[in-house]
Protein backbone atom coordinates (compact mmCIF):
# COMPACT_ATOMS: atom_id res chain seq x y z
CA MET A 1 -24.83 36.94 35.85
CA GLN A 2 -22.68 34.95 33.38
CA LEU A 3 -21.85 31.46 34.57
CA PRO A 4 -18.38 30.03 33.89
CA GLY A 5 -17.89 27.02 31.61
CA PRO A 6 -19.53 26.01 28.35
CA TYR A 7 -23.08 26.75 29.46
CA SER A 8 -24.73 30.05 30.20
CA GLU A 9 -27.77 30.89 32.24
CA ASN A 10 -29.50 32.00 29.03
CA GLU A 11 -30.19 28.36 28.16
CA LEU A 12 -32.67 28.26 31.03
CA THR A 13 -35.60 30.59 31.43
CA PRO A 14 -35.28 33.10 34.29
CA GLU A 15 -37.81 31.06 36.27
CA GLU A 16 -35.87 27.83 35.70
CA LEU A 17 -32.59 29.44 36.71
CA ALA A 18 -34.22 30.76 39.88
CA ASP A 19 -35.51 27.24 40.57
CA LEU A 20 -32.03 25.77 40.11
CA LYS A 21 -30.53 28.36 42.44
CA ARG A 22 -33.18 27.57 45.06
CA ALA A 23 -32.55 23.85 44.65
CA LYS A 24 -28.82 24.27 45.23
CA GLU A 25 -29.39 26.44 48.30
CA ILE A 26 -31.63 23.71 49.74
CA LEU A 27 -29.55 20.69 48.79
CA GLU A 28 -26.15 22.01 49.85
CA ASN A 29 -27.32 23.43 53.19
CA PRO A 30 -29.59 20.76 54.74
CA GLY A 31 -28.68 21.35 58.40
CA PHE A 32 -31.04 18.90 60.13
CA ALA A 33 -28.73 18.41 63.11
CA MET A 34 -28.24 22.17 63.42
CA LYS A 35 -32.02 22.73 63.42
CA VAL A 36 -32.46 20.18 66.18
CA ALA A 37 -29.51 21.55 68.15
CA GLY A 38 -31.09 24.98 67.91
CA TYR A 39 -34.30 23.54 69.31
CA ILE A 40 -32.92 21.60 72.28
CA GLY A 41 -29.40 23.04 72.61
CA LYS A 42 -26.07 21.34 73.23
CA PRO A 43 -27.33 18.04 74.75
CA ILE A 44 -27.79 16.53 71.28
CA GLU A 45 -24.01 16.44 70.81
CA PHE A 46 -23.64 14.18 73.84
CA ALA A 47 -26.73 12.09 73.13
CA ILE A 48 -25.53 11.11 69.64
CA ASP A 49 -22.51 9.36 71.17
CA LYS A 50 -24.71 7.34 73.52
CA ILE A 51 -27.35 5.91 71.16
CA ASP A 52 -27.43 2.23 70.24
CA SER A 53 -26.25 2.08 66.61
CA GLU A 54 -27.41 -1.53 66.16
CA THR A 55 -30.95 -0.60 67.20
CA ILE A 56 -30.87 2.35 64.80
CA SER A 57 -29.68 0.10 61.97
CA ARG A 58 -32.45 -2.46 62.52
CA ALA A 59 -35.15 0.20 62.75
CA THR A 60 -33.85 2.02 59.67
CA SER A 61 -33.79 -1.18 57.59
CA LYS A 62 -37.33 -2.04 58.70
CA ALA A 63 -38.59 1.47 57.92
CA LEU A 64 -37.04 1.58 54.45
CA GLY A 65 -38.23 -1.94 53.71
CA LYS A 66 -41.78 -0.78 54.42
CA ALA A 67 -41.18 2.35 52.33
CA LEU A 68 -39.95 0.22 49.42
CA ASP A 69 -43.08 -1.93 49.58
CA ILE A 70 -45.28 1.18 49.49
CA ALA A 71 -43.21 2.80 46.72
CA ILE A 72 -43.65 -0.28 44.55
CA GLY A 73 -47.34 -0.77 45.27
CA SER A 74 -49.32 2.37 46.01
CA LEU A 75 -47.56 5.70 45.51
CA ASP A 76 -49.91 6.53 42.64
CA GLU A 77 -52.66 6.94 45.24
CA VAL A 78 -51.19 10.29 46.34
CA VAL A 79 -53.96 12.91 46.21
CA GLN A 80 -53.71 15.23 43.23
CA SER A 81 -53.51 18.96 43.99
CA ASP A 82 -51.72 22.04 42.72
CA THR A 83 -49.33 22.19 45.68
CA PRO A 84 -47.94 19.48 48.00
CA ALA A 85 -49.81 19.02 51.28
CA ASN A 86 -46.72 19.66 53.41
CA LEU A 87 -48.61 20.93 56.45
CA GLN A 88 -50.95 17.95 56.54
CA HIS A 89 -48.02 15.54 56.45
CA LYS A 90 -46.23 17.53 59.17
CA LEU A 91 -49.25 17.22 61.45
CA LEU A 92 -49.41 13.47 60.86
CA VAL A 93 -45.73 12.88 61.49
CA GLY A 94 -45.83 15.15 64.53
CA GLY A 95 -48.32 12.74 66.08
CA SER A 96 -45.97 9.80 65.63
CA GLY A 97 -43.14 11.92 67.04
CA ALA A 98 -45.17 12.52 70.19
CA VAL A 99 -45.18 8.76 70.78
CA GLY A 100 -41.45 8.58 70.13
CA GLY A 101 -40.73 11.44 72.50
CA PHE A 102 -42.82 9.90 75.26
CA PHE A 103 -41.47 6.35 75.06
CA GLY A 104 -37.99 7.14 73.73
CA MET A 105 -35.83 4.42 72.15
CA ALA A 106 -38.36 1.72 73.07
CA ALA A 107 -40.84 3.15 70.55
CA LEU A 108 -38.37 3.47 67.66
CA ALA A 109 -39.20 0.16 65.97
CA VAL A 110 -42.86 1.19 65.77
CA GLU A 111 -42.58 4.95 65.31
CA LEU A 112 -39.88 5.10 62.61
CA PRO A 113 -41.71 2.98 59.99
CA ILE A 114 -44.83 5.09 60.53
CA SER A 115 -43.03 8.42 60.21
CA THR A 116 -40.99 7.15 57.24
CA THR A 117 -44.18 6.06 55.46
CA ILE A 118 -45.75 9.47 56.00
CA MET A 119 -42.58 11.16 54.76
CA LEU A 120 -42.52 8.98 51.64
CA ARG A 121 -46.09 10.03 50.86
CA SER A 122 -45.05 13.66 51.34
CA ILE A 123 -41.96 13.22 49.14
CA ALA A 124 -44.15 11.67 46.41
CA ASP A 125 -46.53 14.61 46.72
CA VAL A 126 -43.61 16.99 46.14
CA ALA A 127 -42.46 14.95 43.14
CA ARG A 128 -45.91 15.08 41.60
CA SER A 129 -46.09 18.86 42.18
CA GLN A 130 -42.88 19.21 40.15
CA GLY A 131 -44.47 17.40 37.21
CA HIS A 132 -43.13 13.88 37.77
CA ASP A 133 -45.29 10.85 36.97
CA LEU A 134 -45.74 8.62 40.01
CA ASN A 135 -46.81 5.75 37.77
CA GLN A 136 -43.23 5.50 36.52
CA MET A 137 -40.93 3.23 38.53
CA GLN A 138 -38.04 5.66 38.00
CA THR A 139 -39.99 8.38 39.84
CA ARG A 140 -40.90 6.00 42.66
CA LEU A 141 -37.29 4.97 43.21
CA ALA A 142 -36.26 8.64 43.02
CA CYS A 143 -38.68 9.27 45.92
CA LEU A 144 -36.80 6.67 47.96
CA GLU A 145 -33.51 8.27 46.86
CA VAL A 146 -34.47 11.42 48.79
CA PHE A 147 -33.87 9.55 52.06
CA SER A 148 -30.15 9.40 51.15
CA LEU A 149 -29.90 13.18 50.79
CA GLY A 150 -28.91 15.73 53.38
CA SER A 151 -26.82 13.51 55.65
CA THR A 152 -23.31 14.37 56.81
CA LYS A 153 -20.80 13.83 54.03
CA ASN A 154 -18.53 10.85 54.62
CA SER A 155 -14.81 10.63 54.04
CA GLU A 156 -15.30 8.99 50.66
CA ASP A 157 -17.14 11.98 49.23
CA ASP A 158 -15.12 14.08 46.83
CA ALA A 159 -14.66 17.48 48.43
CA SER A 160 -14.61 19.08 44.96
CA GLU A 161 -18.09 17.72 44.17
CA SER A 162 -21.36 18.95 45.59
CA ALA A 163 -22.75 16.93 48.48
CA TYR A 164 -25.94 16.40 46.47
CA PHE A 165 -24.32 14.96 43.36
CA ALA A 166 -21.92 12.91 45.49
CA ALA A 167 -24.90 11.28 47.20
CA ARG A 168 -26.56 10.60 43.86
CA ALA A 169 -23.35 9.14 42.46
CA THR A 170 -23.23 6.70 45.37
CA LEU A 171 -26.65 5.39 44.34
CA ALA A 172 -26.30 5.67 40.55
CA TYR A 173 -25.26 2.07 39.86
CA GLU A 174 -27.84 0.56 42.22
CA MET A 175 -30.54 2.83 40.77
CA ARG A 176 -29.83 1.69 37.20
CA ALA A 177 -29.63 -1.95 38.22
CA ALA A 178 -32.87 -1.70 40.20
CA LEU A 179 -34.71 -0.14 37.26
CA GLN A 180 -33.42 -2.83 34.91
CA SER A 181 -34.44 -5.62 37.29
CA VAL A 182 -38.07 -4.45 37.46
CA SER A 183 -38.52 -3.05 33.95
CA LYS A 184 -40.71 -5.93 32.74
CA MET A 185 -42.44 -6.78 36.01
CA SER A 186 -45.79 -5.67 37.38
CA SER A 187 -46.00 -4.02 40.80
CA LYS A 188 -47.69 -7.12 42.22
CA ALA A 189 -44.97 -9.41 40.85
CA ILE A 190 -42.25 -7.18 42.36
CA GLN A 191 -43.95 -7.15 45.76
CA ASP A 192 -44.40 -10.93 45.71
CA ALA A 193 -40.74 -11.41 44.79
CA LEU A 194 -39.64 -9.03 47.57
CA GLN A 195 -41.65 -11.01 50.13
CA ARG A 196 -39.84 -14.15 49.00
CA GLY A 197 -36.46 -12.41 49.21
CA GLN A 198 -35.94 -12.73 45.45
CA MET A 199 -35.10 -9.11 44.60
CA PRO A 200 -31.47 -8.71 45.77
CA VAL A 201 -30.87 -5.74 43.46
CA LEU A 202 -33.69 -3.73 45.05
CA ILE A 203 -32.50 -4.78 48.50
CA ARG A 204 -28.98 -3.52 47.72
CA PHE A 205 -30.50 -0.23 46.55
CA ILE A 206 -32.34 0.15 49.86
CA ASN A 207 -29.26 -0.83 51.90
CA THR A 208 -27.22 1.90 50.20
CA ILE A 209 -29.91 4.44 51.05
CA ALA A 210 -30.05 3.14 54.62
CA SER A 211 -26.36 3.89 55.18
CA ARG A 212 -27.10 7.61 54.77
CA PHE A 213 -30.65 7.75 56.09
CA GLY A 214 -29.40 6.17 59.30
CA ILE A 215 -27.23 9.22 59.99
CA VAL A 216 -30.22 11.56 60.06
CA VAL A 217 -32.27 9.01 62.02
CA SER A 218 -29.47 8.88 64.61
CA GLU A 219 -29.64 12.66 64.98
CA LYS A 220 -33.42 12.50 65.40
CA VAL A 221 -33.27 9.70 67.97
CA ALA A 222 -30.49 11.43 69.87
CA ALA A 223 -32.63 14.54 70.15
CA GLN A 224 -35.63 12.54 71.37
CA ALA A 225 -33.42 10.73 73.88
CA VAL A 226 -32.47 13.98 75.62
CA PRO A 227 -34.06 14.04 79.08
CA LEU A 228 -37.21 16.18 79.41
CA VAL A 229 -37.87 16.33 75.66
CA GLY A 230 -41.08 14.36 76.20
CA ALA A 231 -44.05 13.94 73.89
CA ALA A 232 -44.39 17.61 72.89
CA GLY A 233 -40.68 17.85 72.12
CA GLY A 234 -40.78 14.58 70.21
CA ALA A 235 -43.60 15.92 68.05
CA ALA A 236 -41.65 19.11 67.34
CA ILE A 237 -38.51 17.14 66.45
CA ASN A 238 -40.50 14.98 64.04
CA VAL A 239 -41.85 18.12 62.38
CA LEU A 240 -38.25 19.22 61.85
CA PHE A 241 -37.51 15.70 60.59
CA ILE A 242 -40.17 15.77 57.87
CA ASP A 243 -39.47 19.41 57.03
CA HIS A 244 -35.87 18.39 56.31
CA PHE A 245 -36.92 15.72 53.81
CA GLN A 246 -39.67 17.85 52.27
CA GLN A 247 -37.01 20.42 51.47
CA MET A 248 -34.63 17.75 50.15
CA ALA A 249 -37.47 16.47 47.94
CA GLN A 250 -38.20 19.92 46.61
CA GLY A 251 -34.58 20.52 45.62
CA HIS A 252 -34.14 16.99 44.23
CA PHE A 253 -37.21 17.03 42.00
CA ILE A 254 -36.50 20.55 40.73
CA VAL A 255 -33.11 19.29 39.55
CA LYS A 256 -34.61 16.15 38.03
CA ARG A 257 -37.31 18.17 36.25
CA LEU A 258 -34.66 20.37 34.66
CA GLU A 259 -32.55 17.31 33.82
CA GLN A 260 -35.46 15.84 31.90
CA LYS A 261 -35.64 18.98 29.76
CA TYR A 262 -31.96 19.88 29.33
CA GLY A 263 -30.05 16.68 30.12
CA GLU A 264 -28.20 15.56 33.26
CA ALA A 265 -24.74 16.76 32.19
CA LYS A 266 -25.90 20.28 31.34
CA ILE A 267 -27.83 20.77 34.58
CA ALA A 268 -24.96 19.35 36.66
CA ALA A 269 -22.57 21.81 34.99
CA LEU A 270 -24.89 24.75 35.63
CA TYR A 271 -25.55 23.62 39.21
CA ASN A 272 -21.84 23.33 39.99
CA ALA A 273 -21.13 26.69 38.36
CA LEU A 274 -23.51 28.48 40.71
CA PRO A 275 -21.85 30.09 43.75
CA ALA A 276 -21.81 27.86 46.84
CA ASP A 277 -23.65 30.54 48.81
CA VAL A 278 -26.49 31.12 46.34
């Protein structure tokens, strides 16, 4: 297959091209809400309209704040292995989902930070499996960036641009500013400054992520709020929840691995040249 534009597939190895195709298929077809709707049926459409958006916003901010603290301080403790431990993380997050399904919205403030922390560890595991160095702050912030991927596109997204690159563009300025603000600081100094509220650039970065992560959280909570879902259903929904972000992480870090080798502009051109239904 010859791709249109100035770049051809021959600049990537066959394996790399196959990886890029797989990444696009994942990143442009996330479908979390559709997976959940397939699990519990139509009630999710009505439940989404009835959830408390202010409660979701508070819980999302708390969860991502905890994730930021972990990303800065201890992501390098992820266990080294040849493949990411996706199943292990699914089992862990399924347990927290059982609590959420049993207690419903009342458990959100406790359950969401736990499940988000587990997902961050899983995302970091995926990043490491794609060859990314978790000791680098850029990789750690890219792990957090995954939480902004796979939500419903908003009206400001350019319909001519991929949903994935539109989401990354939304975060691009905050990502650069965040990296610059911490470039000469130790992890301990960053954490101390965050606790004192002295890292507004990092906080803006997290708030931008929260605006998209909150959409997927709303879909998750709506599903768990459906009557009769219960603990078992809540566990199953949380497994779908982490599976969604594990897939987003896989696609994201494939693209970033290829960008490191070939450059961002070249990979973006090749990605966009691939058929939408790869």
